[in-house]
Each structure stands twice: as structure tokens, then as C-alpha cells.
PDB file of N, CA and C in Angstrom:
ATOM      1  N   MET A   1     -83.808 153.629 179.905  1.00  0.00           N
ATOM      2  CA  MET A   1     -82.649 154.309 179.458  1.00  0.00           C
ATOM      3  C   MET A   1     -82.871 155.525 179.130  1.00  0.00           C
ATOM      4  N   SER A   2     -81.185 156.581 179.310  1.00  0.00           N
ATOM      5  CA  SER A   2     -80.774 157.626 178.989  1.00  0.00           C
ATOM      6  C   SER A   2     -80.239 158.214 177.587  1.00  0.00           C
ATOM      7  N   ASP A   3     -80.220 158.881 176.882  1.00  0.00           N
ATOM      8  CA  ASP A   3     -79.908 159.193 175.928  1.00  0.00           C
ATOM      9  C   ASP A   3     -78.775 159.816 175.569  1.00  0.00           C
ATOM     10  N   LEU A   4     -78.692 159.736 176.864  1.00  0.00           N
ATOM     11  CA  LEU A   4     -76.674 160.726 177.110  1.00  0.00           C
ATOM     12  C   LEU A   4     -75.887 159.613 176.703  1.00  0.00           C
ATOM     13  N   PRO A   5     -74.685 160.490 176.097  1.00  0.00           N
ATOM     14  CA  PRO A   5     -73.368 159.910 175.638  1.00  0.00           C
ATOM     15  C   PRO A   5     -72.726 159.492 177.034  1.00  0.00           C
ATOM     16  N   GLN A   6     -71.948 158.554 177.188  1.00  0.00           N
ATOM     17  CA  GLN A   6     -71.155 157.838 178.419  1.00  0.00           C
ATOM     18  C   GLN A   6     -69.861 158.802 177.848  1.00  0.00           C
ATOM     19  N   CYS A   7     -69.463 158.794 179.423  1.00  0.00           N
ATOM     20  CA  CYS A   7     -67.916 160.214 179.376  1.00  0.00           C
ATOM     21  C   CYS A   7     -67.120 159.403 178.937  1.00  0.00           C
ATOM     22  N   PRO A   8     -66.092 160.885 177.897  1.00  0.00           N
ATOM     23  CA  PRO A   8     -65.079 159.496 177.088  1.00  0.00           C
ATOM     24  C   PRO A   8     -64.083 159.714 177.850  1.00  0.00           C
ATOM     25  N   GLN A   9     -64.189 160.028 179.278  1.00  0.00           N
ATOM     26  CA  GLN A   9     -62.563 159.731 179.888  1.00  0.00           C
ATOM     27  C   GLN A   9     -62.541 158.166 180.347  1.00  0.00           C
ATOM     28  N   CYS A  10     -63.890 158.031 181.927  1.00  0.00           N
ATOM     29  CA  CYS A  10     -64.124 156.863 181.987  1.00  0.00           C
ATOM     30  C   CYS A  10     -65.219 156.084 181.863  1.00  0.00           C
ATOM     31  N   GLN A  11     -65.580 156.424 181.024  1.00  0.00           N
ATOM     32  CA  GLN A  11     -67.112 155.370 180.002  1.00  0.00           C
ATOM     33  C   GLN A  11     -68.457 155.441 181.340  1.00  0.00           C
ATOM     34  N   SER A  12     -68.490 156.084 182.161  1.00  0.00           N
ATOM     35  CA  SER A  12     -69.467 156.079 182.876  1.00  0.00           C
ATOM     36  C   SER A  12     -71.225 156.135 182.308  1.00  0.00           C
ATOM     37  N   VAL A  13     -72.105 155.577 182.776  1.00  0.00           N
ATOM     38  CA  VAL A  13     -73.330 155.967 182.456  1.00  0.00           C
ATOM     39  C   VAL A  13     -74.047 156.771 182.570  1.00  0.00           C
ATOM     40  N   TYR A  14     -73.345 157.388 183.680  1.00  0.00           N
ATOM     41  CA  TYR A  14     -74.202 158.461 184.788  1.00  0.00           C
ATOM     42  C   TYR A  14     -74.054 159.626 184.583  1.00  0.00           C
ATOM     43  N   THR A  15     -73.752 160.050 183.062  1.00  0.00           N
ATOM     44  CA  THR A  15     -73.659 161.306 182.659  1.00  0.00           C
ATOM     45  C   THR A  15     -74.901 162.347 182.759  1.00  0.00           C
ATOM     46  N   TYR A  16     -74.644 163.685 182.773  1.00  0.00           N
ATOM     47  CA  TYR A  16     -76.061 164.450 183.324  1.00  0.00           C
ATOM     48  C   TYR A  16     -75.619 166.009 182.365  1.00  0.00           C
ATOM     49  N   GLU A  17     -76.922 166.494 182.194  1.00  0.00           N
ATOM     50  CA  GLU A  17     -76.633 167.663 180.919  1.00  0.00           C
ATOM     51  C   GLU A  17     -76.541 168.498 182.275  1.00  0.00           C
ATOM     52  N   ASP A  18     -75.566 169.787 181.665  1.00  0.00           N
ATOM     53  CA  ASP A  18     -75.417 170.879 182.565  1.00  0.00           C
ATOM     54  C   ASP A  18     -75.592 172.106 182.141  1.00  0.00           C
ATOM     55  N   GLY A  19     -76.376 172.978 181.335  1.00  0.00           N
ATOM     56  CA  GLY A  19     -76.472 174.059 180.460  1.00  0.00           C
ATOM     57  C   GLY A  19     -76.298 173.565 179.199  1.00  0.00           C
ATOM     58  N   ASP A  20     -74.875 173.940 178.462  1.00  0.00           N
ATOM     59  CA  ASP A  20     -74.510 173.546 177.174  1.00  0.00           C
ATOM     60  C   ASP A  20     -73.207 172.743 177.475  1.00  0.00           C
ATOM     61  N   GLN A  21     -73.636 171.868 178.455  1.00  0.00           N
ATOM     62  CA  GLN A  21     -72.548 170.749 178.084  1.00  0.00           C
ATOM     63  C   GLN A  21     -72.958 169.438 179.067  1.00  0.00           C
ATOM     64  N   TYR A  22     -72.077 168.471 179.157  1.00  0.00           N
ATOM     65  CA  TYR A  22     -72.135 167.395 179.516  1.00  0.00           C
ATOM     66  C   TYR A  22     -70.969 167.121 180.915  1.00  0.00           C
ATOM     67  N   VAL A  23     -71.597 166.487 181.979  1.00  0.00           N
ATOM     68  CA  VAL A  23     -70.977 166.364 183.168  1.00  0.00           C
ATOM     69  C   VAL A  23     -70.817 165.079 183.664  1.00  0.00           C
ATOM     70  N   CYS A  24     -69.559 164.563 183.771  1.00  0.00           N
ATOM     71  CA  CYS A  24     -69.759 163.378 184.431  1.00  0.00           C
ATOM     72  C   CYS A  24     -69.637 163.082 186.356  1.00  0.00           C
ATOM     73  N   PRO A  25     -70.414 162.582 186.934  1.00  0.00           N
ATOM     74  CA  PRO A  25     -70.287 162.761 188.155  1.00  0.00           C
ATOM     75  C   PRO A  25     -69.225 162.075 188.761  1.00  0.00           C
ATOM     76  N   GLU A  26     -68.930 160.705 187.886  1.00  0.00           N
ATOM     77  CA  GLU A  26     -67.874 159.906 188.777  1.00  0.00           C
ATOM     78  C   GLU A  26     -66.147 160.885 189.058  1.00  0.00           C
ATOM     79  N   CYS A  27     -65.842 161.117 187.570  1.00  0.00           N
ATOM     80  CA  CYS A  27     -64.831 161.734 187.332  1.00  0.00           C
ATOM     81  C   CYS A  27     -64.124 163.257 187.573  1.00  0.00           C
ATOM     82  N   ALA A  28     -65.428 163.701 187.375  1.00  0.00           N
ATOM     83  CA  ALA A  28     -65.946 165.001 187.180  1.00  0.00           C
ATOM     84  C   ALA A  28     -65.325 166.056 185.923  1.00  0.00           C
ATOM     85  N   HIS A  29     -65.245 165.013 184.768  1.00  0.00           N
ATOM     86  CA  HIS A  29     -64.909 165.737 183.487  1.00  0.00           C
ATOM     87  C   HIS A  29     -66.443 166.200 182.922  1.00  0.00           C
ATOM     88  N   GLU A  30     -65.390 167.235 182.154  1.00  0.00           N
ATOM     89  CA  GLU A  30     -66.929 168.235 181.573  1.00  0.00           C
ATOM     90  C   GLU A  30     -66.589 168.346 179.855  1.00  0.00           C
ATOM     91  N   TRP A  31     -67.702 168.084 179.319  1.00  0.00           N
ATOM     92  CA  TRP A  31     -67.381 168.086 177.968  1.00  0.00           C
ATOM     93  C   TRP A  31     -68.362 169.191 177.247  1.00  0.00           C
ATOM     94  N   PRO A  32     -68.076 169.515 176.296  1.00  0.00           N
ATOM     95  CA  PRO A  32     -69.634 170.158 175.775  1.00  0.00           C
ATOM     96  C   PRO A  32     -70.218 169.272 174.951  1.00  0.00           C
ATOM     97  N   LYS A  33     -71.940 170.068 174.388  1.00  0.00           N
ATOM     98  CA  LYS A  33     -72.592 168.864 173.821  1.00  0.00           C
ATOM     99  C   LYS A  33     -72.342 168.970 172.497  1.00  0.00           C
ATOM    100  N   SER A  34     -71.503 169.974 171.971  1.00  0.00           N
ATOM    101  CA  SER A  34     -71.773 169.948 170.597  1.00  0.00           C
ATOM    102  C   SER A  34     -70.045 168.609 169.811  1.00  0.00           C
ATOM    103  N   ALA A  35     -69.256 168.430 171.122  1.00  0.00           N
ATOM    104  CA  ALA A  35     -68.086 167.600 170.986  1.00  0.00           C
ATOM    105  C   ALA A  35     -68.749 166.402 170.874  1.00  0.00           C
ATOM    106  N   ALA A  36     -69.760 165.384 171.597  1.00  0.00           N
ATOM    107  CA  ALA A  36     -70.627 164.444 171.082  1.00  0.00           C
ATOM    108  C   ALA A  36     -70.828 164.085 170.070  1.00  0.00           C
ATOM    109  N   ALA A  37     -71.922 165.092 169.076  1.00  0.00           N
ATOM    110  CA  ALA A  37     -71.798 164.312 167.862  1.00  0.00           C
ATOM    111  C   ALA A  37     -70.714 164.322 167.109  1.00  0.00           C
ATOM    112  N   ASP A  38     -69.437 165.169 167.333  1.00  0.00           N
ATOM    113  CA  ASP A  38     -68.148 164.812 166.798  1.00  0.00           C
ATOM    114  C   ASP A  38     -67.718 163.546 166.723  1.00  0.00           C
ATOM    115  N   GLN A  39     -68.082 162.801 168.231  1.00  0.00           N
ATOM    116  CA  GLN A  39     -67.098 161.858 168.376  1.00  0.00           C
ATOM    117  C   GLN A  39     -66.426 160.744 167.396  1.00  0.00           C
ATOM    118  N   GLY A  40     -67.612 159.981 167.140  1.00  0.00           N
ATOM    119  CA  GLY A  40     -68.368 159.251 166.277  1.00  0.00           C
ATOM    120  C   GLY A  40     -67.122 158.655 165.093  1.00  0.00           C
ATOM    121  N   ASP A  41     -66.868 159.709 164.515  1.00  0.00           N
ATOM    122  CA  ASP A  41     -65.706 159.369 163.004  1.00  0.00           C
ATOM    123  C   ASP A  41     -64.581 159.752 163.462  1.00  0.00           C
ATOM    124  N   GLU A  42     -63.967 160.103 164.552  1.00  0.00           N
ATOM    125  CA  GLU A  42     -63.023 160.337 164.563  1.00  0.00           C
ATOM    126  C   GLU A  42     -61.474 158.571 164.300  1.00  0.00           C
ATOM    127  N   GLN A  43     -60.798 159.512 163.824  1.00  0.00           N
ATOM    128  CA  GLN A  43     -59.138 158.242 163.556  1.00  0.00           C
ATOM    129  C   GLN A  43     -58.639 158.875 164.306  1.00  0.00           C
ATOM    130  N   LYS A  44     -57.461 157.888 164.884  1.00  0.00           N
ATOM    131  CA  LYS A  44     -56.471 158.324 165.792  1.00  0.00           C
ATOM    132  C   LYS A  44     -55.412 158.335 164.493  1.00  0.00           C
ATOM    133  N   VAL A  45     -54.563 159.900 164.492  1.00  0.00           N
ATOM    134  CA  VAL A  45     -53.116 160.069 163.709  1.00  0.00           C
ATOM    135  C   VAL A  45     -52.102 159.636 165.107  1.00  0.00           C
ATOM    136  N   ILE A  46     -51.177 158.880 164.064  1.00  0.00           N
ATOM    137  CA  ILE A  46     -49.836 158.777 164.940  1.00  0.00           C
ATOM    138  C   ILE A  46     -48.877 159.187 164.129  1.00  0.00           C
ATOM    139  N   LYS A  47     -48.331 160.099 164.464  1.00  0.00           N
ATOM    140  CA  LYS A  47     -47.085 160.633 164.088  1.00  0.00           C
ATOM    141  C   LYS A  47     -45.458 160.231 164.333  1.00  0.00           C
ATOM    142  N   ASP A  48     -44.546 160.163 164.016  1.00  0.00           N
ATOM    143  CA  ASP A  48     -43.023 159.672 164.352  1.00  0.00           C
ATOM    144  C   ASP A  48     -42.676 160.788 164.883  1.00  0.00           C
ATOM    145  N   ALA A  49     -41.109 160.875 165.351  1.00  0.00           N
ATOM    146  CA  ALA A  49     -40.280 161.493 166.291  1.00  0.00           C
ATOM    147  C   ALA A  49     -40.898 163.312 165.543  1.00  0.00           C
ATOM    148  N   ASN A  50     -40.630 163.272 164.322  1.00  0.00           N
ATOM    149  CA  ASN A  50     -40.267 164.314 163.807  1.00  0.00           C
ATOM    150  C   ASN A  50     -41.659 165.154 163.280  1.00  0.00           C
ATOM    151  N   GLY A  51     -42.833 164.702 163.413  1.00  0.00           N
ATOM    152  CA  GLY A  51     -44.063 165.092 163.300  1.00  0.00           C
ATOM    153  C   GLY A  51     -45.019 164.701 162.088  1.00  0.00           C
ATOM    154  N   ASN A  52     -44.057 163.612 161.332  1.00  0.00           N
ATOM    155  CA  ASN A  52     -44.636 163.008 160.020  1.00  0.00           C
ATOM    156  C   ASN A  52     -45.705 162.182 160.310  1.00  0.00           C
ATOM    157  N   VAL A  53     -47.069 161.722 159.571  1.00  0.00           N
ATOM    158  CA  VAL A  53     -47.959 161.160 159.894  1.00  0.00           C
ATOM    159  C   VAL A  53     -47.963 159.606 159.362  1.00  0.00           C
ATOM    160  N   LEU A  54     -47.818 158.708 160.280  1.00  0.00           N
ATOM    161  CA  LEU A  54     -47.338 157.426 159.643  1.00  0.00           C
ATOM    162  C   LEU A  54     -48.524 156.480 159.170  1.00  0.00           C
ATOM    163  N   GLN A  55     -48.454 155.919 158.353  1.00  0.00           N
ATOM    164  CA  GLN A  55     -49.584 154.769 157.612  1.00  0.00           C
ATOM    165  C   GLN A  55     -49.162 153.127 157.791  1.00  0.00           C
ATOM    166  N   ASP A  56     -50.109 151.972 157.483  1.00  0.00           N
ATOM    167  CA  ASP A  56     -49.854 151.131 157.573  1.00  0.00           C
ATOM    168  C   ASP A  56     -48.860 150.803 156.510  1.00  0.00           C
ATOM    169  N   GLY A  57     -47.466 149.662 156.323  1.00  0.00           N
ATOM    170  CA  GLY A  57     -46.594 149.770 154.982  1.00  0.00           C
ATOM    171  C   GLY A  57     -45.399 150.533 155.130  1.00  0.00           C
ATOM    172  N   ASP A  58     -45.353 151.550 155.836  1.00  0.00           N
ATOM    173  CA  ASP A  58     -44.404 152.706 156.110  1.00  0.00           C
ATOM    174  C   ASP A  58     -42.989 151.846 156.405  1.00  0.00           C
ATOM    175  N   SER A  59     -42.062 152.499 155.470  1.00  0.00           N
ATOM    176  CA  SER A  59     -40.811 152.209 156.717  1.00  0.00           C
ATOM    177  C   SER A  59     -40.589 153.021 157.536  1.00  0.00           C
ATOM    178  N   VAL A  60     -39.617 152.620 158.897  1.00  0.00           N
ATOM    179  CA  VAL A  60     -38.921 153.869 159.992  1.00  0.00           C
ATOM    180  C   VAL A  60     -37.749 153.580 160.127  1.00  0.00           C
ATOM    181  N   THR A  61     -37.025 154.302 160.311  1.00  0.00           N
ATOM    182  CA  THR A  61     -35.694 154.312 161.317  1.00  0.00           C
ATOM    183  C   THR A  61     -35.611 154.497 162.263  1.00  0.00           C
ATOM    184  N   VAL A  62     -35.036 153.509 163.286  1.00  0.00           N
ATOM    185  CA  VAL A  62     -35.074 153.696 164.421  1.00  0.00           C
ATOM    186  C   VAL A  62     -34.240 154.682 164.986  1.00  0.00           C
ATOM    187  N   ILE A  63     -34.333 156.235 165.885  1.00  0.00           N
ATOM    188  CA  ILE A  63     -33.589 156.879 166.213  1.00  0.00           C
ATOM    189  C   ILE A  63     -33.092 156.871 167.674  1.00  0.00           C
ATOM    190  N   LYS A  64     -33.026 155.685 168.956  1.00  0.00           N
ATOM    191  CA  LYS A  64     -32.756 155.633 169.571  1.00  0.00           C
ATOM    192  C   LYS A  64     -32.255 154.291 170.038  1.00  0.00           C
ATOM    193  N   ASP A  65     -31.040 153.665 171.124  1.00  0.00           N
ATOM    194  CA  ASP A  65     -30.951 152.441 171.130  1.00  0.00           C
ATOM    195  C   ASP A  65     -31.879 152.176 171.833  1.00  0.00           C
ATOM    196  N   LEU A  66     -32.803 151.015 171.439  1.00  0.00           N
ATOM    197  CA  LEU A  66     -33.801 150.700 172.634  1.00  0.00           C
ATOM    198  C   LEU A  66     -33.614 148.981 173.080  1.00  0.00           C
ATOM    199  N   LYS A  67     -33.467 148.563 174.395  1.00  0.00           N
ATOM    200  CA  LYS A  67     -33.730 147.653 175.101  1.00  0.00           C
ATOM    201  C   LYS A  67     -34.633 146.774 174.322  1.00  0.00           C
ATOM    202  N   VAL A  68     -34.601 145.597 174.303  1.00  0.00           N
ATOM    203  CA  VAL A  68     -35.493 144.840 174.482  1.00  0.00           C
ATOM    204  C   VAL A  68     -35.916 143.898 175.429  1.00  0.00           C
ATOM    205  N   LYS A  69     -36.750 144.321 175.987  1.00  0.00           N
ATOM    206  CA  LYS A  69     -37.307 143.287 177.511  1.00  0.00           C
ATOM    207  C   LYS A  69     -37.050 142.019 178.201  1.00  0.00           C
ATOM    208  N   GLY A  70     -37.100 141.456 178.616  1.00  0.00           N
ATOM    209  CA  GLY A  70     -36.883 140.173 178.889  1.00  0.00           C
ATOM    210  C   GLY A  70     -35.408 139.961 177.963  1.00  0.00           C
ATOM    211  N   SER A  71     -34.378 140.188 177.527  1.00  0.00           N
ATOM    212  CA  SER A  71     -33.164 139.630 176.773  1.00  0.00           C
ATOM    213  C   SER A  71     -32.597 140.276 176.793  1.00  0.00           C
ATOM    214  N   SER A  72     -31.493 140.207 176.566  1.00  0.00           N
ATOM    215  CA  SER A  72     -30.263 141.445 176.473  1.00  0.00           C
ATOM    216  C   SER A  72     -29.598 142.073 175.097  1.00  0.00           C
ATOM    217  N   LEU A  73     -30.665 141.868 174.124  1.00  0.00           N
ATOM    218  CA  LEU A  73     -30.806 142.422 172.808  1.00  0.00           C
ATOM    219  C   LEU A  73     -31.136 144.001 173.161  1.00  0.00           C
ATOM    220  N   VAL A  74     -30.199 144.635 171.990  1.00  0.00           N
ATOM    221  CA  VAL A  74     -30.796 146.075 171.725  1.00  0.00           C
ATOM    222  C   VAL A  74     -31.051 146.508 170.419  1.00  0.00           C
ATOM    223  N   VAL A  75     -31.980 146.910 170.272  1.00  0.00           N
ATOM    224  CA  VAL A  75     -32.399 147.856 168.888  1.00  0.00           C
ATOM    225  C   VAL A  75     -31.239 148.784 168.551  1.00  0.00           C
ATOM    226  N   LYS A  76     -30.346 148.982 167.680  1.00  0.00           N
ATOM    227  CA  LYS A  76     -29.534 149.950 167.648  1.00  0.00           C
ATOM    228  C   LYS A  76     -29.913 151.272 166.832  1.00  0.00           C
ATOM    229  N   VAL A  77     -29.387 152.518 167.169  1.00  0.00           N
ATOM    230  CA  VAL A  77     -30.188 153.715 166.494  1.00  0.00           C
ATOM    231  C   VAL A  77     -29.926 153.169 164.650  1.00  0.00           C
ATOM    232  N   GLY A  78     -30.542 154.002 164.042  1.00  0.00           N
ATOM    233  CA  GLY A  78     -30.419 153.809 162.197  1.00  0.00           C
ATOM    234  C   GLY A  78     -31.058 152.542 161.831  1.00  0.00           C
ATOM    235  N   THR A  79     -31.601 151.821 162.917  1.00  0.00           N
ATOM    236  CA  THR A  79     -32.090 150.175 162.700  1.00  0.00           C
ATOM    237  C   THR A  79     -33.626 150.704 161.687  1.00  0.00           C
ATOM    238  N   LYS A  80     -33.339 150.186 160.338  1.00  0.00           N
ATOM    239  CA  LYS A  80     -34.345 150.551 159.616  1.00  0.00           C
ATOM    240  C   LYS A  80     -35.313 149.247 159.265  1.00  0.00           C
ATOM    241  N   VAL A  81     -36.685 149.658 159.648  1.00  0.00           N
ATOM    242  CA  VAL A  81     -37.359 148.531 160.023  1.00  0.00           C
ATOM    243  C   VAL A  81     -38.873 149.542 158.516  1.00  0.00           C
ATOM    244  N   LYS A  82     -39.154 147.733 157.982  1.00  0.00           N
ATOM    245  CA  LYS A  82     -39.722 147.863 156.581  1.00  0.00           C
ATOM    246  C   LYS A  82     -41.747 147.355 157.130  1.00  0.00           C
ATOM    247  N   ASN A  83     -42.359 147.966 156.398  1.00  0.00           N
ATOM    248  CA  ASN A  83     -43.596 147.365 156.548  1.00  0.00           C
ATOM    249  C   ASN A  83     -44.351 147.443 157.469  1.00  0.00           C
ATOM    250  N   ILE A  84     -44.350 148.153 158.413  1.00  0.00           N
ATOM    251  CA  ILE A  84     -44.734 148.355 159.999  1.00  0.00           C
ATOM    252  C   ILE A  84     -46.379 148.386 159.717  1.00  0.00           C
ATOM    253  N   ARG A  85     -47.251 148.073 160.826  1.00  0.00           N
ATOM    254  CA  ARG A  85     -48.373 148.033 161.181  1.00  0.00           C
ATOM    255  C   ARG A  85     -48.952 148.980 162.445  1.00  0.00           C
ATOM    256  N   LEU A  86     -49.892 149.889 162.549  1.00  0.00           N
ATOM    257  CA  LEU A  86     -50.619 150.946 162.961  1.00  0.00           C
ATOM    258  C   LEU A  86     -51.436 150.089 164.073  1.00  0.00           C
ATOM    259  N   VAL A  87     -51.163 150.170 164.971  1.00  0.00           N
ATOM    260  CA  VAL A  87     -52.354 149.253 166.305  1.00  0.00           C
ATOM    261  C   VAL A  87     -52.636 150.160 166.982  1.00  0.00           C
ATOM    262  N   ASP A  88     -53.381 149.861 168.137  1.00  0.00           N
ATOM    263  CA  ASP A  88     -53.949 150.531 169.058  1.00  0.00           C
ATOM    264  C   ASP A  88     -53.241 150.241 170.522  1.00  0.00           C
ATOM    265  N   GLY A  89     -52.818 151.332 171.482  1.00  0.00           N
ATOM    266  CA  GLY A  89     -52.607 150.984 172.676  1.00  0.00           C
ATOM    267  C   GLY A  89     -51.326 151.688 172.732  1.00  0.00           C
ATOM    268  N   ASP A  90     -50.538 151.692 173.827  1.00  0.00           N
ATOM    269  CA  ASP A  90     -49.369 152.235 173.862  1.00  0.00           C
ATOM    270  C   ASP A  90     -48.073 152.654 172.819  1.00  0.00           C
ATOM    271  N   HIS A  91     -47.922 150.647 173.417  1.00  0.00           N
ATOM    272  CA  HIS A  91     -46.784 151.012 171.499  1.00  0.00           C
ATOM    273  C   HIS A  91     -48.158 150.640 170.709  1.00  0.00           C
ATOM    274  N   ASP A  92     -47.677 152.065 169.407  1.00  0.00           N
ATOM    275  CA  ASP A  92     -48.529 152.048 168.149  1.00  0.00           C
ATOM    276  C   ASP A  92     -48.011 151.375 167.225  1.00  0.00           C
ATOM    277  N   ILE A  93     -46.843 151.149 167.102  1.00  0.00           N
ATOM    278  CA  ILE A  93     -46.055 149.985 166.099  1.00  0.00           C
ATOM    279  C   ILE A  93     -46.183 148.593 165.937  1.00  0.00           C
ATOM    280  N   ASP A  94     -46.615 147.543 165.373  1.00  0.00           N
ATOM    281  CA  ASP A  94     -46.416 146.377 165.476  1.00  0.00           C
ATOM    282  C   ASP A  94     -45.023 146.087 163.889  1.00  0.00           C
ATOM    283  N   CYS A  95     -44.193 145.410 163.939  1.00  0.00           N
ATOM    284  CA  CYS A  95     -43.371 145.160 163.440  1.00  0.00           C
ATOM    285  C   CYS A  95     -42.414 143.867 163.303  1.00  0.00           C
ATOM    286  N   LYS A  96     -41.855 143.435 162.570  1.00  0.00           N
ATOM    287  CA  LYS A  96     -40.400 142.592 161.962  1.00  0.00           C
ATOM    288  C   LYS A  96     -39.005 143.512 162.262  1.00  0.00           C
ATOM    289  N   ILE A  97     -38.072 142.757 163.083  1.00  0.00           N
ATOM    290  CA  ILE A  97     -37.083 143.148 162.952  1.00  0.00           C
ATOM    291  C   ILE A  97     -35.856 142.417 162.890  1.00  0.00           C
ATOM    292  N   ASP A  98     -35.128 142.422 161.528  1.00  0.00           N
ATOM    293  CA  ASP A  98     -33.899 141.353 161.067  1.00  0.00           C
ATOM    294  C   ASP A  98     -33.038 140.848 162.138  1.00  0.00           C
ATOM    295  N   GLY A  99     -32.693 139.781 163.047  1.00  0.00           N
ATOM    296  CA  GLY A  99     -32.365 139.319 164.125  1.00  0.00           C
ATOM    297  C   GLY A  99     -32.986 139.169 165.248  1.00  0.00           C
ATOM    298  N   ILE A 100     -33.757 140.314 165.519  1.00  0.00           N
ATOM    299  CA  ILE A 100     -34.666 140.217 166.772  1.00  0.00           C
ATOM    300  C   ILE A 100     -36.225 139.858 166.455  1.00  0.00           C
ATOM    301  N   GLY A 101     -36.718 139.893 165.408  1.00  0.00           N
ATOM    302  CA  GLY A 101     -38.001 138.963 165.570  1.00  0.00           C
ATOM    303  C   GLY A 101     -39.523 140.141 165.560  1.00  0.00           C
ATOM    304  N   ALA A 102     -40.682 139.900 165.895  1.00  0.00           N
ATOM    305  CA  ALA A 102     -42.058 140.700 165.752  1.00  0.00           C
ATOM    306  C   ALA A 102     -41.221 141.536 167.523  1.00  0.00           C
ATOM    307  N   MET A 103     -42.166 142.596 167.012  1.00  0.00           N
ATOM    308  CA  MET A 103     -41.783 143.301 168.276  1.00  0.00           C
ATOM    309  C   MET A 103     -42.887 144.613 168.304  1.00  0.00           C
ATOM    310  N   LYS A 104     -43.242 145.279 169.017  1.00  0.00           N
ATOM    311  CA  LYS A 104     -43.660 146.818 169.414  1.00  0.00           C
ATOM    312  C   LYS A 104     -43.244 148.055 169.558  1.00  0.00           C
ATOM    313  N   LEU A 105     -42.882 148.887 168.917  1.00  0.00           N
ATOM    314  CA  LEU A 105     -42.768 150.163 168.818  1.00  0.00           C
ATOM    315  C   LEU A 105     -43.606 151.057 169.328  1.00  0.00           C
ATOM    316  N   LYS A 106     -42.751 152.451 170.652  1.00  0.00           N
ATOM    317  CA  LYS A 106     -43.392 153.892 170.394  1.00  0.00           C
ATOM    318  C   LYS A 106     -43.205 154.548 169.180  1.00  0.00           C
ATOM    319  N   SER A 107     -44.010 155.446 168.637  1.00  0.00           N
ATOM    320  CA  SER A 107     -43.732 156.298 167.232  1.00  0.00           C
ATOM    321  C   SER A 107     -43.007 157.080 167.724  1.00  0.00           C
ATOM    322  N   GLU A 108     -42.650 157.517 169.484  1.00  0.00           N
ATOM    323  CA  GLU A 108     -42.236 158.736 169.538  1.00  0.00           C
ATOM    324  C   GLU A 108     -40.477 158.284 169.249  1.00  0.00           C
ATOM    325  N   PHE A 109     -39.745 156.597 169.173  1.00  0.00           N
ATOM    326  CA  PHE A 109     -38.595 156.435 168.998  1.00  0.00           C
ATOM    327  C   PHE A 109     -38.074 156.346 167.460  1.00  0.00           C
ATOM    328  N   VAL A 110     -39.467 156.670 166.410  1.00  0.00           N
ATOM    329  CA  VAL A 110     -39.023 155.799 164.925  1.00  0.00           C
ATOM    330  C   VAL A 110     -39.046 157.426 164.461  1.00  0.00           C
ATOM    331  N   LYS A 111     -38.411 157.862 162.722  1.00  0.00           N
ATOM    332  CA  LYS A 111     -39.036 158.390 162.258  1.00  0.00           C
ATOM    333  C   LYS A 111     -39.292 158.017 161.000  1.00  0.00           C
ATOM    334  N   LYS A 112     -40.259 158.464 159.757  1.00  0.00           N
ATOM    335  CA  LYS A 112     -40.357 158.017 158.447  1.00  0.00           C
ATOM    336  C   LYS A 112     -38.332 157.806 157.755  1.00  0.00           C
ATOM    337  N   ALA A 113     -38.657 156.664 157.249  1.00  0.00           N
ATOM    338  CA  ALA A 113     -37.626 156.814 156.123  1.00  0.00           C
ATOM    339  C   ALA A 113     -38.064 156.638 154.664  1.00  0.00           C
TER     340      ALA A 113
END
């Protein structure tokens, strides 16, 4: 097996070296060799609408009316959400909202309280 890294975009194992870069033949993504060594210890930083870094256990405030999919409920502007949990994915905040229950929110629609 080859000791070359997988493509960071499409996870293809068919990467090859081209000078001082790696190239993926499946998606045509190119990245420098030095980036492959730094890739292992990156932590995703999640920021709110104002650019403040969010952490587990923070309290946030909703900055926009949010419709709850599959129901007629709406999370109103100014709703305070306590004790959030950060998760991977499109909706990066897990929380419980009083009167609605467990929800997933996008960090772009909240600000740190």
C-alpha cells in the first residue's frame, strides 16, 4: 500500500505526488505536502453570528425567527438557550429550548449571551 494521504475533499486513496504537492485524480484537488502533516491535530472552531468562539455549556440567544420543521412552532428572536452542546454537521449546536424541546441549531443564527 502507498503511504500517501487520502484526498481531504473526496477521501480518495488514489492520490499522487506532483513536485511539492499532492494531487487527487478523482476530484482534481491539489494541496501542499506540508498541509498533510498539519492535518491531524486540527479542531473545528465554531463561531456565532458575531464571530465569538462558542464552547460546550455556553448560553446563546437566537437572532432570527426560526421555523421548526414539521410543525407550526417558531423559535422567536431573543430566545435564550442555555447549556449548548457543539456537534459536527450542518446544524452544529444541540440544545433544549423551553416549550419546544430538543433542537439542532446553526451557529450563524445565534449570538453568545
